Amino acid sequence: MTYTEMTALYRNKARGYTADQCEFAVRDIHKTIALHEGDLNHPYIQKLWAELDAMRDRLAQLQRKA
């Protein structure tokens, strides 16, 4: 699965998330990425970055509606 496909998958997953849920996910993703520092090419880390981008997109969408 490409990065773009993963991001689309996680955008769909986050479609109904609240801001609190997104913020929790962002914190959790950052903590997990920090555990694997220096391993940016690992598929799991790439998945986390795609999920992080999706959560940030959802937060931006919620802020525009507010």
PDB file of N, CA and C in Angstrom:
ATOM      1  N   MET A   1       0.849  -1.176   0.000  1.00  0.00           N
ATOM      2  CA  MET A   1       0.000   0.000   0.000  1.00  0.00           C
ATOM      3  C   MET A   1       0.891   1.234   0.000  1.00  0.00           C
ATOM      4  N   THR A   2       0.555   2.188  -0.834  1.00  0.00           N
ATOM      5  CA  THR A   2       1.342   3.418  -0.903  1.00  0.00           C
ATOM      6  C   THR A   2       1.003   4.342   0.270  1.00  0.00           C
ATOM      7  N   TYR A   3       1.863   5.326   0.470  1.00  0.00           N
ATOM      8  CA  TYR A   3       1.629   6.316   1.521  1.00  0.00           C
ATOM      9  C   TYR A   3       0.303   7.046   1.287  1.00  0.00           C
ATOM     10  N   THR A   4       0.041   7.407   0.049  1.00  0.00           N
ATOM     11  CA  THR A   4      -1.198   8.105  -0.296  1.00  0.00           C
ATOM     12  C   THR A   4      -2.411   7.235   0.005  1.00  0.00           C
ATOM     13  N   GLU A   5      -2.330   5.970  -0.303  1.00  0.00           N
ATOM     14  CA  GLU A   5      -3.437   5.054  -0.008  1.00  0.00           C
ATOM     15  C   GLU A   5      -3.641   4.897   1.490  1.00  0.00           C
ATOM     16  N   MET A   6      -2.531   4.800   2.232  1.00  0.00           N
ATOM     17  CA  MET A   6      -2.644   4.692   3.691  1.00  0.00           C
ATOM     18  C   MET A   6      -3.274   5.949   4.277  1.00  0.00           C
ATOM     19  N   THR A   7      -2.847   7.113   3.797  1.00  0.00           N
ATOM     20  CA  THR A   7      -3.407   8.361   4.307  1.00  0.00           C
ATOM     21  C   THR A   7      -4.901   8.433   4.034  1.00  0.00           C
ATOM     22  N   ALA A   8      -5.323   8.023   2.843  1.00  0.00           N
ATOM     23  CA  ALA A   8      -6.752   8.004   2.513  1.00  0.00           C
ATOM     24  C   ALA A   8      -7.505   7.051   3.436  1.00  0.00           C
ATOM     25  N   LEU A   9      -6.917   5.919   3.718  1.00  0.00           N
ATOM     26  CA  LEU A   9      -7.532   4.948   4.626  1.00  0.00           C
ATOM     27  C   LEU A   9      -7.743   5.553   6.011  1.00  0.00           C
ATOM     28  N   TYR A  10      -6.729   6.234   6.529  1.00  0.00           N
ATOM     29  CA  TYR A  10      -6.835   6.820   7.869  1.00  0.00           C
ATOM     30  C   TYR A  10      -7.705   8.077   7.886  1.00  0.00           C
ATOM     31  N   ARG A  11      -7.759   8.792   6.783  1.00  0.00           N
ATOM     32  CA  ARG A  11      -8.709   9.920   6.712  1.00  0.00           C
ATOM     33  C   ARG A  11     -10.134   9.398   6.828  1.00  0.00           C
ATOM     34  N   ASN A  12     -10.400   8.297   6.166  1.00  0.00           N
ATOM     35  CA  ASN A  12     -11.729   7.686   6.247  1.00  0.00           C
ATOM     36  C   ASN A  12     -12.004   7.212   7.668  1.00  0.00           C
ATOM     37  N   LYS A  13     -11.009   6.615   8.298  1.00  0.00           N
ATOM     38  CA  LYS A  13     -11.150   6.143   9.679  1.00  0.00           C
ATOM     39  C   LYS A  13     -11.464   7.299  10.627  1.00  0.00           C
ATOM     40  N   ALA A  14     -10.802   8.436  10.419  1.00  0.00           N
ATOM     41  CA  ALA A  14     -10.946   9.586  11.318  1.00  0.00           C
ATOM     42  C   ALA A  14     -12.140  10.461  10.983  1.00  0.00           C
ATOM     43  N   ARG A  15     -12.859  10.132   9.951  1.00  0.00           N
ATOM     44  CA  ARG A  15     -13.960  10.973   9.462  1.00  0.00           C
ATOM     45  C   ARG A  15     -14.943  11.365  10.560  1.00  0.00           C
ATOM     46  N   GLY A  16     -15.214  10.489  11.495  1.00  0.00           N
ATOM     47  CA  GLY A  16     -16.169  10.796  12.555  1.00  0.00           C
ATOM     48  C   GLY A  16     -15.528  11.123  13.892  1.00  0.00           C
ATOM     49  N   TYR A  17     -14.205  11.267  13.918  1.00  0.00           N
ATOM     50  CA  TYR A  17     -13.512  11.539  15.176  1.00  0.00           C
ATOM     51  C   TYR A  17     -13.793  12.954  15.668  1.00  0.00           C
ATOM     52  N   THR A  18     -13.826  13.078  16.970  1.00  0.00           N
ATOM     53  CA  THR A  18     -13.913  14.399  17.601  1.00  0.00           C
ATOM     54  C   THR A  18     -12.501  14.976  17.699  1.00  0.00           C
ATOM     55  N   ALA A  19     -12.423  16.252  18.038  1.00  0.00           N
ATOM     56  CA  ALA A  19     -11.112  16.887  18.215  1.00  0.00           C
ATOM     57  C   ALA A  19     -10.332  16.192  19.326  1.00  0.00           C
ATOM     58  N   ASP A  20     -11.002  15.824  20.407  1.00  0.00           N
ATOM     59  CA  ASP A  20     -10.323  15.141  21.512  1.00  0.00           C
ATOM     60  C   ASP A  20      -9.737  13.804  21.066  1.00  0.00           C
ATOM     61  N   GLN A  21     -10.479  13.064  20.270  1.00  0.00           N
ATOM     62  CA  GLN A  21      -9.986  11.782  19.777  1.00  0.00           C
ATOM     63  C   GLN A  21      -8.772  11.978  18.876  1.00  0.00           C
ATOM     64  N   CYS A  22      -8.823  12.971  18.023  1.00  0.00           N
ATOM     65  CA  CYS A  22      -7.694  13.255  17.131  1.00  0.00           C
ATOM     66  C   CYS A  22      -6.470  13.694  17.920  1.00  0.00           C
ATOM     67  N   GLU A  23      -6.668  14.547  18.900  1.00  0.00           N
ATOM     68  CA  GLU A  23      -5.551  15.037  19.703  1.00  0.00           C
ATOM     69  C   GLU A  23      -4.912  13.901  20.494  1.00  0.00           C
ATOM     70  N   PHE A  24      -5.725  12.988  21.017  1.00  0.00           N
ATOM     71  CA  PHE A  24      -5.190  11.819  21.719  1.00  0.00           C
ATOM     72  C   PHE A  24      -4.366  10.967  20.756  1.00  0.00           C
ATOM     73  N   ALA A  25      -4.902  10.744  19.554  1.00  0.00           N
ATOM     74  CA  ALA A  25      -4.194   9.943  18.553  1.00  0.00           C
ATOM     75  C   ALA A  25      -2.873  10.594  18.169  1.00  0.00           C
ATOM     76  N   VAL A  26      -2.875  11.906  17.984  1.00  0.00           N
ATOM     77  CA  VAL A  26      -1.649  12.624  17.622  1.00  0.00           C
ATOM     78  C   VAL A  26      -0.589  12.435  18.710  1.00  0.00           C
ATOM     79  N   ARG A  27      -0.973  12.593  19.965  1.00  0.00           N
ATOM     80  CA  ARG A  27      -0.016  12.402  21.068  1.00  0.00           C
ATOM     81  C   ARG A  27       0.522  10.974  21.088  1.00  0.00           C
ATOM     82  N   ASP A  28      -0.366  10.020  20.914  1.00  0.00           N
ATOM     83  CA  ASP A  28       0.021   8.613  20.938  1.00  0.00           C
ATOM     84  C   ASP A  28       0.968   8.282  19.773  1.00  0.00           C
ATOM     85  N   ILE A  29       0.671   8.796  18.612  1.00  0.00           N
ATOM     86  CA  ILE A  29       1.506   8.551  17.436  1.00  0.00           C
ATOM     87  C   ILE A  29       2.897   9.145  17.645  1.00  0.00           C
ATOM     88  N   HIS A  30       2.958  10.376  18.173  1.00  0.00           N
ATOM     89  CA  HIS A  30       4.264  11.001  18.420  1.00  0.00           C
ATOM     90  C   HIS A  30       5.094  10.174  19.407  1.00  0.00           C
ATOM     91  N   LYS A  31       4.462   9.677  20.458  1.00  0.00           N
ATOM     92  CA  LYS A  31       5.171   8.848  21.443  1.00  0.00           C
ATOM     93  C   LYS A  31       5.698   7.571  20.797  1.00  0.00           C
ATOM     94  N   THR A  32       4.894   6.962  19.960  1.00  0.00           N
ATOM     95  CA  THR A  32       5.301   5.721  19.313  1.00  0.00           C
ATOM     96  C   THR A  32       6.421   5.958  18.312  1.00  0.00           C
ATOM     97  N   ILE A  33       6.329   7.012  17.537  1.00  0.00           N
ATOM     98  CA  ILE A  33       7.390   7.334  16.583  1.00  0.00           C
ATOM     99  C   ILE A  33       8.706   7.583  17.328  1.00  0.00           C
ATOM    100  N   ALA A  34       8.634   8.246  18.469  1.00  0.00           N
ATOM    101  CA  ALA A  34       9.836   8.530  19.255  1.00  0.00           C
ATOM    102  C   ALA A  34      10.528   7.247  19.712  1.00  0.00           C
ATOM    103  N   LEU A  35       9.773   6.195  19.924  1.00  0.00           N
ATOM    104  CA  LEU A  35      10.354   4.912  20.329  1.00  0.00           C
ATOM    105  C   LEU A  35      11.159   4.266  19.213  1.00  0.00           C
ATOM    106  N   HIS A  36      10.876   4.652  17.983  1.00  0.00           N
ATOM    107  CA  HIS A  36      11.517   4.050  16.817  1.00  0.00           C
ATOM    108  C   HIS A  36      12.341   5.074  16.051  1.00  0.00           C
ATOM    109  N   GLU A  37      12.897   6.016  16.760  1.00  0.00           N
ATOM    110  CA  GLU A  37      13.667   7.094  16.137  1.00  0.00           C
ATOM    111  C   GLU A  37      14.782   6.526  15.263  1.00  0.00           C
ATOM    112  N   GLY A  38      14.925   7.088  14.092  1.00  0.00           N
ATOM    113  CA  GLY A  38      15.965   6.657  13.179  1.00  0.00           C
ATOM    114  C   GLY A  38      15.569   5.507  12.269  1.00  0.00           C
ATOM    115  N   ASP A  39      14.339   5.065  12.368  1.00  0.00           N
ATOM    116  CA  ASP A  39      13.882   3.929  11.564  1.00  0.00           C
ATOM    117  C   ASP A  39      12.753   4.373  10.631  1.00  0.00           C
ATOM    118  N   LEU A  40      12.972   5.487   9.940  1.00  0.00           N
ATOM    119  CA  LEU A  40      11.916   6.092   9.133  1.00  0.00           C
ATOM    120  C   LEU A  40      11.463   5.245   7.955  1.00  0.00           C
ATOM    121  N   ASN A  41      12.252   4.306   7.521  1.00  0.00           N
ATOM    122  CA  ASN A  41      11.872   3.484   6.376  1.00  0.00           C
ATOM    123  C   ASN A  41      11.093   2.232   6.755  1.00  0.00           C
ATOM    124  N   HIS A  42      10.924   1.996   8.037  1.00  0.00           N
ATOM    125  CA  HIS A  42      10.163   0.830   8.475  1.00  0.00           C
ATOM    126  C   HIS A  42       8.690   1.018   8.100  1.00  0.00           C
ATOM    127  N   PRO A  43       8.045  -0.006   7.568  1.00  0.00           N
ATOM    128  CA  PRO A  43       6.637   0.130   7.147  1.00  0.00           C
ATOM    129  C   PRO A  43       5.708   0.607   8.264  1.00  0.00           C
ATOM    130  N   TYR A  44       5.951   0.180   9.496  1.00  0.00           N
ATOM    131  CA  TYR A  44       5.088   0.605  10.603  1.00  0.00           C
ATOM    132  C   TYR A  44       5.223   2.104  10.856  1.00  0.00           C
ATOM    133  N   ILE A  45       6.433   2.631  10.762  1.00  0.00           N
ATOM    134  CA  ILE A  45       6.647   4.065  10.967  1.00  0.00           C
ATOM    135  C   ILE A  45       5.997   4.855   9.842  1.00  0.00           C
ATOM    136  N   GLN A  46       6.092   4.373   8.633  1.00  0.00           N
ATOM    137  CA  GLN A  46       5.423   5.034   7.512  1.00  0.00           C
ATOM    138  C   GLN A  46       3.914   5.041   7.713  1.00  0.00           C
ATOM    139  N   LYS A  47       3.383   3.951   8.242  1.00  0.00           N
ATOM    140  CA  LYS A  47       1.946   3.868   8.559  1.00  0.00           C
ATOM    141  C   LYS A  47       1.578   4.917   9.606  1.00  0.00           C
ATOM    142  N   LEU A  48       2.423   5.065  10.610  1.00  0.00           N
ATOM    143  CA  LEU A  48       2.145   6.050  11.657  1.00  0.00           C
ATOM    144  C   LEU A  48       2.157   7.478  11.108  1.00  0.00           C
ATOM    145  N   TRP A  49       3.086   7.787  10.206  1.00  0.00           N
ATOM    146  CA  TRP A  49       3.124   9.118   9.612  1.00  0.00           C
ATOM    147  C   TRP A  49       1.874   9.372   8.778  1.00  0.00           C
ATOM    148  N   ALA A  50       1.402   8.357   8.068  1.00  0.00           N
ATOM    149  CA  ALA A  50       0.170   8.506   7.288  1.00  0.00           C
ATOM    150  C   ALA A  50      -1.017   8.753   8.213  1.00  0.00           C
ATOM    151  N   GLU A  51      -1.057   8.023   9.316  1.00  0.00           N
ATOM    152  CA  GLU A  51      -2.141   8.208  10.284  1.00  0.00           C
ATOM    153  C   GLU A  51      -2.063   9.592  10.929  1.00  0.00           C
ATOM    154  N   LEU A  52      -0.855  10.046  11.219  1.00  0.00           N
ATOM    155  CA  LEU A  52      -0.664  11.371  11.800  1.00  0.00           C
ATOM    156  C   LEU A  52      -1.167  12.456  10.850  1.00  0.00           C
ATOM    157  N   ASP A  53      -0.830  12.342   9.582  1.00  0.00           N
ATOM    158  CA  ASP A  53      -1.311  13.312   8.599  1.00  0.00           C
ATOM    159  C   ASP A  53      -2.833  13.329   8.542  1.00  0.00           C
ATOM    160  N   ALA A  54      -3.452  12.162   8.604  1.00  0.00           N
ATOM    161  CA  ALA A  54      -4.911  12.080   8.568  1.00  0.00           C
ATOM    162  C   ALA A  54      -5.531  12.738   9.801  1.00  0.00           C
ATOM    163  N   MET A  55      -4.932  12.531  10.965  1.00  0.00           N
ATOM    164  CA  MET A  55      -5.461  13.141  12.192  1.00  0.00           C
ATOM    165  C   MET A  55      -5.314  14.659  12.139  1.00  0.00           C
ATOM    166  N   ARG A  56      -4.200  15.126  11.620  1.00  0.00           N
ATOM    167  CA  ARG A  56      -4.005  16.575  11.489  1.00  0.00           C
ATOM    168  C   ARG A  56      -5.015  17.168  10.505  1.00  0.00           C
ATOM    169  N   ASP A  57      -5.269  16.459   9.425  1.00  0.00           N
ATOM    170  CA  ASP A  57      -6.270  16.919   8.457  1.00  0.00           C
ATOM    171  C   ASP A  57      -7.647  17.008   9.103  1.00  0.00           C
ATOM    172  N   ARG A  58      -7.995  16.003   9.890  1.00  0.00           N
ATOM    173  CA  ARG A  58      -9.311  16.001  10.559  1.00  0.00           C
ATOM    174  C   ARG A  58      -9.399  17.159  11.553  1.00  0.00           C
ATOM    175  N   LEU A  59      -8.327  17.403  12.316  1.00  0.00           N
ATOM    176  CA  LEU A  59      -8.343  18.521  13.243  1.00  0.00           C
ATOM    177  C   LEU A  59      -8.520  19.843  12.527  1.00  0.00           C
ATOM    178  N   ALA A  60      -7.853  20.007  11.407  1.00  0.00           N
ATOM    179  CA  ALA A  60      -7.995  21.237  10.614  1.00  0.00           C
ATOM    180  C   ALA A  60      -9.423  21.382  10.121  1.00  0.00           C
ATOM    181  N   GLN A  61     -10.010  20.297   9.698  1.00  0.00           N
ATOM    182  CA  GLN A  61     -11.399  20.322   9.227  1.00  0.00           C
ATOM    183  C   GLN A  61     -12.335  20.735  10.354  1.00  0.00           C
ATOM    184  N   LEU A  62     -12.120  20.199  11.539  1.00  0.00           N
ATOM    185  CA  LEU A  62     -12.978  20.544  12.681  1.00  0.00           C
ATOM    186  C   LEU A  62     -12.794  22.011  13.082  1.00  0.00           C
ATOM    187  N   GLN A  63     -11.592  22.525  12.985  1.00  0.00           N
ATOM    188  CA  GLN A  63     -11.340  23.923  13.334  1.00  0.00           C
ATOM    189  C   GLN A  63     -11.998  24.870  12.352  1.00  0.00           C
ATOM    190  N   ARG A  64     -12.055  24.484  11.084  1.00  0.00           N
ATOM    191  CA  ARG A  64     -12.712  25.328  10.086  1.00  0.00           C
ATOM    192  C   ARG A  64     -14.218  25.403  10.349  1.00  0.00           C
ATOM    193  N   LYS A  65     -14.798  24.332  10.885  1.00  0.00           N
ATOM    194  CA  LYS A  65     -16.243  24.298  11.156  1.00  0.00           C
ATOM    195  C   LYS A  65     -16.599  25.092  12.407  1.00  0.00           C
ATOM    196  N   ALA A  66     -15.624  25.284  13.287  1.00  0.00           N
ATOM    197  CA  ALA A  66     -15.896  25.956  14.570  1.00  0.00           C
ATOM    198  C   ALA A  66     -16.053  27.439  14.407  1.00  0.00           C
TER     199      ALA A  66
END
